[in-house]
């Protein structure tokens, strides 16, 4: 049952915690003063974080093997992927792959059909263009526009079709993230963002340069 699965995953969390506390498994730290992170669970997906050292990686493998022996739940190595920072050499990545039998990937890939790392803001315009072409012709072919797009995106009560503009939706969702930063400091992702980009002062964080995430939040 789902409840039994949750109990099993909780057990896995305790096993990871024991290895971390013993020093065998070194968590990663977000920012110089941020919280440490060893794992994240979401439904039946697991993200594991550790330093790219053979000893720490062997601790990860040890936990997974023990978890399989205790619960019968085996990790699918075919579906599993590893990802590292750019500073990790190919030689070290190959060494880690030989230990885990898990291949490294160059990017975070997709999750539930969506890219883990999104493209630039122009992607919103591309999606809106596809939406317009589909509404006008029923496919991706170009045809004469019989109604102004401004009318199509108007609210239904104002005589429009209520079609949403992707860029506006994106800005609204970014605004929700800013709300969380201001009013929900206990959220894990908020703690990590503050630790990495500027502590408690939102204005200082938004004035930072070089971060794509911060640039998006500032533009929102």
N, C-alpha and C. Protein backbone atom coordinates (compact mmCIF):
# COMPACT_ATOMS: atom_id res chain seq x y z
N UNK A 1 0.84 -1.19 0.00
CA UNK A 1 0.00 0.00 0.00
C UNK A 1 0.88 1.25 0.00
N UNK A 2 0.33 2.40 -0.39
CA UNK A 2 1.11 3.64 -0.37
C UNK A 2 1.66 3.97 1.01
N UNK A 3 0.89 3.65 2.06
CA UNK A 3 1.34 3.97 3.41
C UNK A 3 2.57 3.16 3.77
N UNK A 4 2.59 1.89 3.39
CA UNK A 4 3.76 1.05 3.66
C UNK A 4 4.98 1.57 2.90
N UNK A 5 4.74 2.06 1.68
CA UNK A 5 5.85 2.62 0.90
C UNK A 5 6.43 3.84 1.60
N UNK A 6 5.55 4.68 2.14
CA UNK A 6 6.02 5.87 2.87
C UNK A 6 6.86 5.47 4.07
N UNK A 7 6.43 4.43 4.79
CA UNK A 7 7.20 3.95 5.94
C UNK A 7 8.58 3.45 5.50
N UNK A 8 8.61 2.76 4.36
CA UNK A 8 9.90 2.27 3.85
C UNK A 8 10.83 3.43 3.51
N UNK A 9 10.28 4.47 2.88
CA UNK A 9 11.10 5.62 2.53
C UNK A 9 11.57 6.37 3.76
N UNK A 10 10.74 6.39 4.79
CA UNK A 10 11.16 7.01 6.05
C UNK A 10 12.34 6.25 6.65
N UNK A 11 12.28 4.93 6.55
CA UNK A 11 13.40 4.11 7.02
C UNK A 11 14.67 4.43 6.23
N UNK A 12 14.53 4.60 4.92
CA UNK A 12 15.68 4.97 4.10
C UNK A 12 16.27 6.30 4.56
N UNK A 13 15.39 7.23 4.90
CA UNK A 13 15.85 8.52 5.40
C UNK A 13 16.67 8.39 6.67
N UNK A 14 16.23 7.52 7.58
CA UNK A 14 16.97 7.29 8.82
C UNK A 14 18.32 6.63 8.54
N UNK A 15 18.35 5.72 7.58
CA UNK A 15 19.61 5.05 7.23
C UNK A 15 20.61 6.06 6.67
N UNK A 16 20.12 6.98 5.84
CA UNK A 16 20.99 8.02 5.30
C UNK A 16 21.49 8.92 6.42
N UNK A 17 20.59 9.28 7.33
CA UNK A 17 20.96 10.15 8.45
C UNK A 17 22.07 9.53 9.29
N UNK A 18 21.99 8.23 9.53
CA UNK A 18 23.02 7.55 10.32
C UNK A 18 24.38 7.63 9.63
N UNK A 19 24.40 7.43 8.32
CA UNK A 19 25.67 7.50 7.59
C UNK A 19 26.23 8.92 7.60
N UNK A 20 25.34 9.90 7.49
CA UNK A 20 25.78 11.30 7.51
C UNK A 20 26.37 11.65 8.87
N UNK A 21 25.68 11.25 9.94
CA UNK A 21 26.15 11.56 11.29
C UNK A 21 27.46 10.85 11.62
N UNK A 22 27.69 9.69 11.02
CA UNK A 22 28.93 8.96 11.27
C UNK A 22 30.11 9.53 10.47
N UNK A 23 29.80 10.39 9.49
CA UNK A 23 30.85 10.98 8.66
C UNK A 23 31.16 10.20 7.41
N UNK A 24 30.54 9.05 7.23
CA UNK A 24 30.79 8.23 6.04
C UNK A 24 30.20 8.87 4.78
N UNK A 25 29.09 9.57 4.97
CA UNK A 25 28.37 10.21 3.86
C UNK A 25 28.40 11.71 4.11
N UNK A 26 29.07 12.46 3.26
CA UNK A 26 29.18 13.90 3.45
C UNK A 26 28.13 14.62 2.60
N UNK A 27 27.27 15.36 3.27
CA UNK A 27 26.23 16.11 2.57
C UNK A 27 26.85 17.29 1.82
N UNK A 28 26.09 17.85 0.90
CA UNK A 28 26.52 19.08 0.24
C UNK A 28 25.95 20.26 1.01
N UNK A 29 26.63 21.39 0.92
CA UNK A 29 26.17 22.60 1.60
C UNK A 29 25.88 23.67 0.57
N UNK A 30 24.72 24.30 0.70
CA UNK A 30 24.31 25.36 -0.23
C UNK A 30 24.76 26.70 0.35
N UNK A 31 25.69 27.36 -0.31
CA UNK A 31 26.23 28.60 0.21
C UNK A 31 27.21 28.35 1.34
N UNK A 32 27.83 29.41 1.82
CA UNK A 32 28.83 29.27 2.87
C UNK A 32 28.21 29.00 4.23
N UNK A 33 26.99 29.49 4.44
CA UNK A 33 26.36 29.32 5.75
C UNK A 33 25.02 28.61 5.64
N UNK A 34 24.74 28.03 4.48
CA UNK A 34 23.44 27.40 4.26
C UNK A 34 23.32 26.03 4.89
N UNK A 35 22.11 25.49 4.81
CA UNK A 35 21.84 24.15 5.34
C UNK A 35 22.52 23.10 4.48
N UNK A 36 22.75 21.94 5.08
CA UNK A 36 23.33 20.82 4.36
C UNK A 36 22.21 19.92 3.84
N UNK A 37 22.48 19.29 2.72
CA UNK A 37 21.46 18.48 2.06
C UNK A 37 22.05 17.13 1.67
N UNK A 38 21.40 16.06 2.11
CA UNK A 38 21.86 14.71 1.77
C UNK A 38 20.87 13.97 0.88
N UNK A 39 19.57 14.32 0.97
CA UNK A 39 18.58 13.60 0.17
C UNK A 39 17.27 14.37 0.09
N UNK A 40 16.52 14.10 -0.96
CA UNK A 40 15.16 14.61 -1.13
C UNK A 40 14.30 13.48 -1.65
N UNK A 41 13.10 13.33 -1.08
CA UNK A 41 12.15 12.32 -1.53
C UNK A 41 10.94 13.02 -2.14
N UNK A 42 10.50 12.54 -3.29
CA UNK A 42 9.26 13.04 -3.90
C UNK A 42 8.55 11.86 -4.54
N UNK A 43 7.43 11.47 -3.93
CA UNK A 43 6.70 10.27 -4.38
C UNK A 43 7.67 9.09 -4.39
N UNK A 44 7.84 8.43 -5.54
CA UNK A 44 8.75 7.29 -5.58
C UNK A 44 10.10 7.65 -6.22
N UNK A 45 10.40 8.95 -6.26
CA UNK A 45 11.68 9.41 -6.79
C UNK A 45 12.58 9.88 -5.64
N UNK A 46 13.86 9.62 -5.78
CA UNK A 46 14.83 9.95 -4.73
C UNK A 46 16.00 10.72 -5.34
N UNK A 47 16.37 11.82 -4.71
CA UNK A 47 17.57 12.56 -5.07
C UNK A 47 18.57 12.42 -3.93
N UNK A 48 19.78 11.98 -4.23
CA UNK A 48 20.81 11.79 -3.23
C UNK A 48 21.97 12.74 -3.52
N UNK A 49 22.49 13.37 -2.48
CA UNK A 49 23.55 14.37 -2.63
C UNK A 49 24.73 14.01 -1.74
N UNK A 50 25.93 14.07 -2.32
CA UNK A 50 27.14 13.84 -1.54
C UNK A 50 28.33 14.40 -2.30
N UNK A 51 29.45 14.51 -1.61
CA UNK A 51 30.68 14.95 -2.25
C UNK A 51 31.16 13.87 -3.22
N UNK A 52 31.80 14.31 -4.30
CA UNK A 52 32.24 13.36 -5.32
C UNK A 52 33.58 12.75 -4.89
N UNK A 53 33.52 11.94 -3.85
CA UNK A 53 34.66 11.18 -3.37
C UNK A 53 34.28 9.72 -3.30
N UNK A 54 35.22 8.86 -3.61
CA UNK A 54 34.93 7.43 -3.66
C UNK A 54 34.39 6.91 -2.34
N UNK A 55 34.95 7.38 -1.22
CA UNK A 55 34.52 6.88 0.09
C UNK A 55 33.08 7.25 0.38
N UNK A 56 32.68 8.48 0.04
CA UNK A 56 31.31 8.91 0.28
C UNK A 56 30.34 8.20 -0.67
N UNK A 57 30.76 8.01 -1.90
CA UNK A 57 29.90 7.32 -2.87
C UNK A 57 29.70 5.87 -2.46
N UNK A 58 30.73 5.25 -1.92
CA UNK A 58 30.58 3.87 -1.45
C UNK A 58 29.58 3.80 -0.29
N UNK A 59 29.53 4.84 0.52
CA UNK A 59 28.54 4.89 1.61
C UNK A 59 27.13 4.95 1.04
N UNK A 60 26.96 5.69 -0.06
CA UNK A 60 25.65 5.76 -0.73
C UNK A 60 25.25 4.38 -1.24
N UNK A 61 26.18 3.72 -1.92
CA UNK A 61 25.90 2.38 -2.45
C UNK A 61 25.58 1.41 -1.33
N UNK A 62 26.30 1.51 -0.23
CA UNK A 62 26.07 0.64 0.92
C UNK A 62 24.65 0.80 1.46
N UNK A 63 24.19 2.05 1.59
CA UNK A 63 22.84 2.30 2.09
C UNK A 63 21.79 1.72 1.14
N UNK A 64 21.97 1.91 -0.15
CA UNK A 64 21.00 1.41 -1.12
C UNK A 64 20.93 -0.12 -1.12
N UNK A 65 22.08 -0.76 -1.00
CA UNK A 65 22.10 -2.22 -0.94
C UNK A 65 21.42 -2.73 0.33
N UNK A 66 21.68 -2.06 1.46
CA UNK A 66 21.06 -2.46 2.71
C UNK A 66 19.56 -2.23 2.68
N UNK A 67 19.15 -1.12 2.06
CA UNK A 67 17.72 -0.82 1.94
C UNK A 67 17.02 -1.89 1.10
N UNK A 68 17.67 -2.32 0.03
CA UNK A 68 17.10 -3.37 -0.81
C UNK A 68 16.98 -4.68 -0.04
N UNK A 69 18.00 -5.01 0.76
CA UNK A 69 17.98 -6.24 1.55
C UNK A 69 16.87 -6.22 2.59
N UNK A 70 16.60 -5.04 3.16
CA UNK A 70 15.59 -4.93 4.22
C UNK A 70 14.17 -4.82 3.69
N UNK A 71 13.99 -4.15 2.55
CA UNK A 71 12.64 -3.84 2.06
C UNK A 71 12.25 -4.58 0.79
N UNK A 72 13.23 -5.05 0.04
CA UNK A 72 12.93 -5.66 -1.26
C UNK A 72 12.76 -4.65 -2.37
N UNK A 73 12.93 -3.36 -2.06
CA UNK A 73 12.81 -2.30 -3.06
C UNK A 73 14.19 -2.02 -3.65
N UNK A 74 14.35 -2.34 -4.93
CA UNK A 74 15.65 -2.22 -5.57
C UNK A 74 15.71 -1.00 -6.49
N UNK A 75 16.82 -0.31 -6.42
CA UNK A 75 17.02 0.86 -7.28
C UNK A 75 17.24 0.41 -8.71
N UNK A 76 16.54 1.05 -9.64
CA UNK A 76 16.73 0.76 -11.06
C UNK A 76 17.92 1.56 -11.57
N UNK A 77 19.04 0.89 -11.79
CA UNK A 77 20.25 1.57 -12.25
C UNK A 77 20.08 2.12 -13.66
N UNK A 78 19.23 1.48 -14.45
CA UNK A 78 19.00 1.94 -15.82
C UNK A 78 18.33 3.31 -15.82
N UNK A 79 17.40 3.52 -14.89
CA UNK A 79 16.68 4.78 -14.82
C UNK A 79 17.41 5.83 -13.99
N UNK A 80 18.44 5.41 -13.26
CA UNK A 80 19.17 6.33 -12.39
C UNK A 80 20.23 7.09 -13.19
N UNK A 81 20.44 8.34 -12.82
CA UNK A 81 21.46 9.17 -13.46
C UNK A 81 22.23 9.94 -12.39
N UNK A 82 23.48 10.26 -12.72
CA UNK A 82 24.32 11.05 -11.82
C UNK A 82 24.63 12.39 -12.47
N UNK A 83 24.79 13.40 -11.63
CA UNK A 83 25.07 14.75 -12.12
C UNK A 83 26.06 15.40 -11.17
N UNK A 84 27.03 16.11 -11.71
CA UNK A 84 28.04 16.76 -10.88
C UNK A 84 28.27 18.19 -11.34
N UNK A 85 28.98 18.95 -10.52
CA UNK A 85 29.34 20.31 -10.90
C UNK A 85 30.39 20.27 -12.01
N UNK A 86 30.61 21.40 -12.64
CA UNK A 86 31.54 21.46 -13.77
C UNK A 86 32.99 21.23 -13.33
N UNK A 87 33.27 21.42 -12.04
CA UNK A 87 34.63 21.28 -11.56
C UNK A 87 35.11 19.84 -11.42
N UNK A 88 34.20 18.89 -11.55
CA UNK A 88 34.57 17.47 -11.42
C UNK A 88 35.14 16.98 -12.75
N UNK A 89 36.32 16.40 -12.69
CA UNK A 89 37.00 15.95 -13.91
C UNK A 89 36.34 14.70 -14.49
N UNK A 90 36.46 14.50 -15.81
CA UNK A 90 35.93 13.27 -16.42
C UNK A 90 36.50 12.01 -15.80
N UNK A 91 37.77 12.06 -15.42
CA UNK A 91 38.39 10.88 -14.80
C UNK A 91 37.69 10.52 -13.50
N UNK A 92 37.38 11.54 -12.69
CA UNK A 92 36.71 11.26 -11.42
C UNK A 92 35.29 10.76 -11.66
N UNK A 93 34.60 11.34 -12.64
CA UNK A 93 33.24 10.89 -12.95
C UNK A 93 33.24 9.42 -13.37
N UNK A 94 34.22 9.04 -14.18
CA UNK A 94 34.32 7.64 -14.61
C UNK A 94 34.57 6.72 -13.42
N UNK A 95 35.37 7.18 -12.48
CA UNK A 95 35.65 6.38 -11.29
C UNK A 95 34.38 6.16 -10.48
N UNK A 96 33.59 7.23 -10.34
CA UNK A 96 32.34 7.13 -9.58
C UNK A 96 31.36 6.21 -10.30
N UNK A 97 31.30 6.31 -11.62
CA UNK A 97 30.40 5.45 -12.40
C UNK A 97 30.76 3.98 -12.25
N UNK A 98 32.05 3.70 -12.16
CA UNK A 98 32.49 2.32 -11.97
C UNK A 98 32.06 1.77 -10.60
N UNK A 99 31.97 2.66 -9.63
CA UNK A 99 31.55 2.23 -8.28
C UNK A 99 30.04 2.02 -8.22
N UNK A 100 29.29 2.94 -8.81
CA UNK A 100 27.83 2.92 -8.69
C UNK A 100 27.13 2.20 -9.84
N UNK A 101 27.82 2.06 -10.98
CA UNK A 101 27.21 1.53 -12.21
C UNK A 101 26.09 2.45 -12.70
N UNK A 102 26.23 3.74 -12.39
CA UNK A 102 25.28 4.76 -12.83
C UNK A 102 26.03 5.76 -13.70
N UNK A 103 25.47 6.07 -14.86
CA UNK A 103 26.12 6.97 -15.80
C UNK A 103 25.85 8.44 -15.45
N UNK A 104 26.85 9.27 -15.70
CA UNK A 104 26.69 10.71 -15.53
C UNK A 104 26.01 11.30 -16.76
N UNK A 105 25.27 12.38 -16.55
CA UNK A 105 24.65 13.09 -17.66
C UNK A 105 25.13 14.53 -17.64
N UNK A 106 25.09 15.18 -18.80
CA UNK A 106 25.62 16.54 -18.93
C UNK A 106 24.65 17.60 -18.43
N UNK A 107 23.36 17.26 -18.31
CA UNK A 107 22.38 18.20 -17.77
C UNK A 107 21.39 17.44 -16.91
N UNK A 108 20.51 18.16 -16.25
CA UNK A 108 19.58 17.53 -15.32
C UNK A 108 18.45 16.79 -16.02
N UNK A 109 18.32 16.97 -17.34
CA UNK A 109 17.32 16.20 -18.08
C UNK A 109 15.89 16.64 -17.80
N UNK A 110 14.97 15.69 -17.93
CA UNK A 110 13.54 15.99 -17.79
C UNK A 110 12.94 15.18 -16.65
N UNK A 111 11.88 15.76 -16.06
CA UNK A 111 11.16 15.07 -15.00
C UNK A 111 9.67 15.21 -15.27
N UNK A 112 8.97 14.08 -15.36
CA UNK A 112 7.54 14.07 -15.69
C UNK A 112 7.26 14.85 -16.97
N UNK A 113 8.19 14.74 -17.93
CA UNK A 113 7.99 15.37 -19.22
C UNK A 113 8.44 16.81 -19.31
N UNK A 114 8.96 17.39 -18.22
CA UNK A 114 9.37 18.79 -18.22
C UNK A 114 10.87 18.90 -17.95
N UNK A 115 11.51 19.89 -18.58
CA UNK A 115 12.93 20.11 -18.36
C UNK A 115 13.17 20.55 -16.92
N UNK A 116 14.21 19.96 -16.29
CA UNK A 116 14.56 20.36 -14.93
C UNK A 116 15.13 21.77 -14.90
N UNK A 117 15.84 22.15 -15.96
CA UNK A 117 16.35 23.51 -16.09
C UNK A 117 15.71 24.12 -17.33
N UNK A 118 15.00 25.22 -17.15
CA UNK A 118 14.25 25.81 -18.24
C UNK A 118 15.12 26.77 -19.05
N UNK A 119 14.70 27.00 -20.27
CA UNK A 119 15.42 27.90 -21.15
C UNK A 119 15.17 29.35 -20.79
N UNK A 120 15.68 30.22 -21.63
CA UNK A 120 15.54 31.65 -21.39
C UNK A 120 14.10 32.10 -21.57
N UNK A 121 13.88 33.37 -21.25
CA UNK A 121 12.52 33.90 -21.22
C UNK A 121 11.86 33.85 -22.59
N UNK A 122 12.66 33.80 -23.66
CA UNK A 122 12.11 33.76 -25.01
C UNK A 122 11.27 32.51 -25.25
N UNK A 123 11.45 31.49 -24.42
CA UNK A 123 10.64 30.28 -24.56
C UNK A 123 9.16 30.60 -24.40
N UNK A 124 8.83 31.55 -23.55
CA UNK A 124 7.43 31.95 -23.37
C UNK A 124 6.86 32.47 -24.69
N UNK A 125 7.63 33.28 -25.39
CA UNK A 125 7.17 33.82 -26.67
C UNK A 125 6.97 32.71 -27.70
N UNK A 126 7.86 31.72 -27.69
CA UNK A 126 7.73 30.60 -28.62
C UNK A 126 6.46 29.80 -28.35
N UNK A 127 6.17 29.59 -27.06
CA UNK A 127 4.95 28.85 -26.71
C UNK A 127 3.70 29.63 -27.10
N UNK A 128 3.73 30.94 -26.90
CA UNK A 128 2.59 31.77 -27.32
C UNK A 128 2.41 31.72 -28.83
N UNK A 129 3.51 31.71 -29.58
CA UNK A 129 3.43 31.63 -31.04
C UNK A 129 2.79 30.32 -31.48
N UNK A 130 3.18 29.22 -30.86
CA UNK A 130 2.57 27.93 -31.19
C UNK A 130 1.08 27.94 -30.87
N UNK A 131 0.73 28.57 -29.75
CA UNK A 131 -0.69 28.66 -29.38
C UNK A 131 -1.49 29.45 -30.39
N UNK A 132 -0.92 30.56 -30.86
CA UNK A 132 -1.62 31.37 -31.86
C UNK A 132 -1.83 30.60 -33.16
N UNK A 133 -0.77 29.93 -33.62
CA UNK A 133 -0.87 29.17 -34.87
C UNK A 133 -1.92 28.07 -34.76
N UNK A 134 -1.98 27.43 -33.60
CA UNK A 134 -2.96 26.35 -33.44
C UNK A 134 -4.38 26.89 -33.41
N UNK A 135 -4.58 28.02 -32.74
CA UNK A 135 -5.93 28.60 -32.66
C UNK A 135 -6.41 29.06 -34.03
N UNK A 136 -5.52 29.67 -34.81
CA UNK A 136 -5.93 30.19 -36.11
C UNK A 136 -6.23 29.07 -37.11
N UNK A 137 -5.46 27.97 -37.09
CA UNK A 137 -5.57 26.97 -38.15
C UNK A 137 -5.90 25.56 -37.68
N UNK A 138 -5.82 25.30 -36.37
CA UNK A 138 -6.05 23.96 -35.86
C UNK A 138 -4.82 23.08 -35.96
N UNK A 139 -3.74 23.63 -36.52
CA UNK A 139 -2.45 22.93 -36.60
C UNK A 139 -1.36 23.98 -36.59
N UNK A 140 -0.15 23.61 -36.99
CA UNK A 140 0.96 24.55 -36.95
C UNK A 140 1.14 25.34 -38.24
N UNK A 141 0.19 25.20 -39.20
CA UNK A 141 0.29 25.94 -40.46
C UNK A 141 -0.10 27.40 -40.25
N UNK A 142 0.48 28.28 -41.06
CA UNK A 142 0.16 29.70 -40.99
C UNK A 142 -1.09 30.01 -41.82
N UNK A 143 -2.00 30.80 -41.24
CA UNK A 143 -3.20 31.23 -41.96
C UNK A 143 -3.51 32.68 -41.59
N UNK A 144 -4.43 33.27 -42.31
CA UNK A 144 -4.82 34.65 -42.05
C UNK A 144 -5.53 34.74 -40.71
N UNK A 145 -5.14 35.75 -39.90
CA UNK A 145 -5.77 35.95 -38.59
C UNK A 145 -7.07 36.72 -38.77
N UNK A 146 -8.18 36.08 -38.45
CA UNK A 146 -9.48 36.72 -38.63
C UNK A 146 -9.87 37.57 -37.43
N UNK A 147 -9.25 37.34 -36.30
CA UNK A 147 -9.53 38.10 -35.08
C UNK A 147 -8.21 38.54 -34.47
N UNK A 148 -8.18 39.77 -33.96
CA UNK A 148 -6.96 40.26 -33.33
C UNK A 148 -6.60 39.41 -32.11
N UNK A 149 -5.31 39.18 -31.93
CA UNK A 149 -4.86 38.37 -30.79
C UNK A 149 -5.21 39.04 -29.46
N UNK A 150 -5.22 40.38 -29.45
CA UNK A 150 -5.59 41.09 -28.22
C UNK A 150 -7.01 40.73 -27.79
N UNK A 151 -7.87 40.47 -28.76
CA UNK A 151 -9.25 40.07 -28.44
C UNK A 151 -9.29 38.63 -27.93
N UNK A 152 -8.47 37.77 -28.50
CA UNK A 152 -8.46 36.36 -28.11
C UNK A 152 -8.06 36.21 -26.65
N UNK A 153 -7.08 37.00 -26.20
CA UNK A 153 -6.57 36.84 -24.83
C UNK A 153 -7.36 37.63 -23.80
N UNK A 154 -8.37 38.38 -24.25
CA UNK A 154 -9.22 39.09 -23.30
C UNK A 154 -10.04 38.12 -22.47
N UNK A 155 -10.41 38.57 -21.28
CA UNK A 155 -11.27 37.76 -20.42
C UNK A 155 -12.60 37.50 -21.11
N UNK A 156 -13.20 36.36 -20.82
CA UNK A 156 -14.47 36.00 -21.47
C UNK A 156 -15.57 37.01 -21.19
N UNK A 157 -15.58 37.55 -19.99
CA UNK A 157 -16.63 38.52 -19.65
C UNK A 157 -16.48 39.82 -20.43
N UNK A 158 -15.28 40.02 -21.02
CA UNK A 158 -15.03 41.20 -21.84
C UNK A 158 -15.15 40.91 -23.32
N UNK A 159 -15.63 39.70 -23.66
CA UNK A 159 -15.85 39.35 -25.05
C UNK A 159 -14.73 38.57 -25.70
N UNK A 160 -13.71 38.22 -24.93
CA UNK A 160 -12.60 37.45 -25.48
C UNK A 160 -12.77 35.96 -25.26
N UNK A 161 -11.73 35.20 -25.58
CA UNK A 161 -11.76 33.75 -25.39
C UNK A 161 -11.09 33.32 -24.08
N UNK A 162 -10.42 34.24 -23.43
CA UNK A 162 -9.78 33.91 -22.16
C UNK A 162 -8.53 33.06 -22.30
N UNK A 163 -7.91 33.08 -23.50
CA UNK A 163 -6.67 32.33 -23.69
C UNK A 163 -5.55 33.00 -22.90
N UNK A 164 -4.83 32.23 -22.13
CA UNK A 164 -3.80 32.79 -21.26
C UNK A 164 -2.49 33.01 -22.02
N UNK A 165 -1.83 34.09 -21.68
CA UNK A 165 -0.53 34.41 -22.25
C UNK A 165 0.54 33.77 -21.38
N UNK A 166 1.38 32.95 -21.98
CA UNK A 166 2.37 32.19 -21.21
C UNK A 166 3.31 33.11 -20.45
N UNK A 167 3.73 34.20 -21.06
CA UNK A 167 4.65 35.13 -20.39
C UNK A 167 4.00 35.71 -19.13
N UNK A 168 2.72 36.06 -19.21
CA UNK A 168 2.03 36.60 -18.03
C UNK A 168 1.92 35.55 -16.94
N UNK A 169 1.63 34.32 -17.34
CA UNK A 169 1.56 33.24 -16.36
C UNK A 169 2.90 33.03 -15.68
N UNK A 170 3.96 33.12 -16.46
CA UNK A 170 5.30 32.93 -15.91
C UNK A 170 5.62 34.01 -14.88
N UNK A 171 5.26 35.25 -15.19
CA UNK A 171 5.49 36.35 -14.25
C UNK A 171 4.69 36.15 -12.97
N UNK A 172 3.44 35.69 -13.11
CA UNK A 172 2.61 35.45 -11.93
C UNK A 172 3.21 34.37 -11.04
N UNK A 173 3.72 33.31 -11.65
CA UNK A 173 4.33 32.23 -10.88
C UNK A 173 5.62 32.69 -10.20
N UNK A 174 6.39 33.54 -10.89
CA UNK A 174 7.59 34.10 -10.27
C UNK A 174 7.22 34.99 -9.09
N UNK A 175 6.11 35.72 -9.23
CA UNK A 175 5.63 36.53 -8.11
C UNK A 175 5.27 35.69 -6.90
N UNK A 176 4.75 34.50 -7.16
CA UNK A 176 4.44 33.58 -6.06
C UNK A 176 5.71 33.13 -5.35
N UNK A 177 6.78 32.94 -6.11
CA UNK A 177 8.06 32.57 -5.51
C UNK A 177 8.58 33.69 -4.61
N UNK A 178 8.44 34.94 -5.07
CA UNK A 178 8.86 36.07 -4.26
C UNK A 178 8.04 36.14 -2.98
N UNK A 179 6.75 35.85 -3.07
CA UNK A 179 5.88 35.82 -1.88
C UNK A 179 6.40 34.78 -0.88
N UNK A 180 6.77 33.63 -1.38
CA UNK A 180 7.30 32.59 -0.49
C UNK A 180 8.59 33.05 0.19
N UNK A 181 9.46 33.72 -0.57
CA UNK A 181 10.72 34.21 0.01
C UNK A 181 10.44 35.19 1.14
N UNK A 182 9.43 36.03 0.97
CA UNK A 182 9.12 37.06 1.96
C UNK A 182 8.36 36.52 3.16
N UNK A 183 7.47 35.55 2.95
CA UNK A 183 6.54 35.16 4.00
C UNK A 183 6.63 33.70 4.44
N UNK A 184 7.41 32.89 3.76
CA UNK A 184 7.51 31.48 4.15
C UNK A 184 8.98 31.06 4.26
N UNK A 185 9.66 31.61 5.24
CA UNK A 185 11.11 31.36 5.39
C UNK A 185 11.45 29.92 5.75
N UNK A 186 10.48 29.15 6.23
CA UNK A 186 10.76 27.78 6.65
C UNK A 186 10.78 26.79 5.48
N UNK A 187 10.34 27.22 4.30
CA UNK A 187 10.39 26.32 3.14
C UNK A 187 11.84 26.01 2.80
N UNK A 188 12.09 24.76 2.47
CA UNK A 188 13.46 24.32 2.23
C UNK A 188 14.11 25.08 1.08
N UNK A 189 13.39 25.23 -0.02
CA UNK A 189 13.98 25.89 -1.18
C UNK A 189 14.26 27.36 -0.89
N UNK A 190 13.42 27.98 -0.06
CA UNK A 190 13.64 29.38 0.32
C UNK A 190 14.93 29.51 1.13
N UNK A 191 15.15 28.59 2.06
CA UNK A 191 16.37 28.60 2.86
C UNK A 191 17.60 28.48 1.98
N UNK A 192 17.53 27.61 0.97
CA UNK A 192 18.67 27.42 0.08
C UNK A 192 18.93 28.66 -0.77
N UNK A 193 17.86 29.26 -1.29
CA UNK A 193 18.02 30.45 -2.12
C UNK A 193 18.62 31.59 -1.31
N UNK A 194 18.14 31.77 -0.09
CA UNK A 194 18.67 32.84 0.77
C UNK A 194 20.13 32.59 1.11
N UNK A 195 20.47 31.34 1.38
CA UNK A 195 21.85 31.01 1.73
C UNK A 195 22.80 31.27 0.56
N UNK A 196 22.32 31.03 -0.63
CA UNK A 196 23.19 31.14 -1.81
C UNK A 196 23.24 32.55 -2.38
N UNK A 197 22.10 33.28 -2.30
CA UNK A 197 22.02 34.54 -3.04
C UNK A 197 21.84 35.80 -2.20
N UNK A 198 21.84 35.70 -0.87
CA UNK A 198 21.77 37.00 -0.21
C UNK A 198 21.11 37.09 1.14
N UNK A 199 20.95 36.02 1.85
CA UNK A 199 20.45 36.11 3.22
C UNK A 199 19.03 36.60 3.33
N UNK A 200 18.76 37.43 4.35
CA UNK A 200 17.39 37.82 4.68
C UNK A 200 16.89 39.01 3.87
N UNK A 201 17.78 39.77 3.27
CA UNK A 201 17.39 41.00 2.58
C UNK A 201 17.06 40.69 1.12
N UNK A 202 15.77 40.75 0.79
CA UNK A 202 15.33 40.43 -0.58
C UNK A 202 15.90 41.41 -1.58
N UNK A 203 15.96 42.70 -1.22
CA UNK A 203 16.46 43.71 -2.14
C UNK A 203 17.91 43.44 -2.51
N UNK A 204 18.73 43.09 -1.50
CA UNK A 204 20.13 42.78 -1.78
C UNK A 204 20.25 41.57 -2.70
N UNK A 205 19.39 40.58 -2.48
CA UNK A 205 19.43 39.38 -3.29
C UNK A 205 19.08 39.69 -4.74
N UNK A 206 18.06 40.52 -4.95
CA UNK A 206 17.62 40.84 -6.30
C UNK A 206 18.61 41.72 -7.04
N UNK A 207 19.51 42.38 -6.31
CA UNK A 207 20.50 43.25 -6.95
C UNK A 207 21.74 42.48 -7.39
N UNK A 208 21.82 41.21 -7.03
CA UNK A 208 22.97 40.40 -7.42
C UNK A 208 22.95 40.15 -8.93
N UNK A 209 24.12 40.01 -9.50
CA UNK A 209 24.25 39.78 -10.94
C UNK A 209 24.77 38.37 -11.19
N UNK A 210 24.48 37.87 -12.38
CA UNK A 210 25.08 36.61 -12.80
C UNK A 210 24.21 35.38 -12.59
N UNK A 211 23.16 35.48 -11.78
CA UNK A 211 22.29 34.33 -11.54
C UNK A 211 21.04 34.45 -12.39
N UNK A 212 20.75 33.41 -13.17
CA UNK A 212 19.55 33.42 -14.01
C UNK A 212 18.30 33.44 -13.16
N UNK A 213 18.29 32.68 -12.04
CA UNK A 213 17.13 32.66 -11.16
C UNK A 213 16.85 34.04 -10.60
N UNK A 214 17.88 34.71 -10.09
CA UNK A 214 17.70 36.03 -9.50
C UNK A 214 17.25 37.03 -10.56
N UNK A 215 17.76 36.91 -11.77
CA UNK A 215 17.34 37.79 -12.86
C UNK A 215 15.86 37.64 -13.15
N UNK A 216 15.37 36.40 -13.17
CA UNK A 216 13.95 36.16 -13.41
C UNK A 216 13.10 36.77 -12.30
N UNK A 217 13.51 36.57 -11.05
CA UNK A 217 12.75 37.12 -9.92
C UNK A 217 12.75 38.64 -9.96
N UNK A 218 13.86 39.24 -10.32
CA UNK A 218 13.93 40.70 -10.39
C UNK A 218 13.01 41.24 -11.48
N UNK A 219 12.96 40.56 -12.61
CA UNK A 219 12.10 41.02 -13.71
C UNK A 219 10.62 40.84 -13.40
N UNK A 220 10.30 39.94 -12.46
CA UNK A 220 8.90 39.71 -12.11
C UNK A 220 8.34 40.87 -11.31
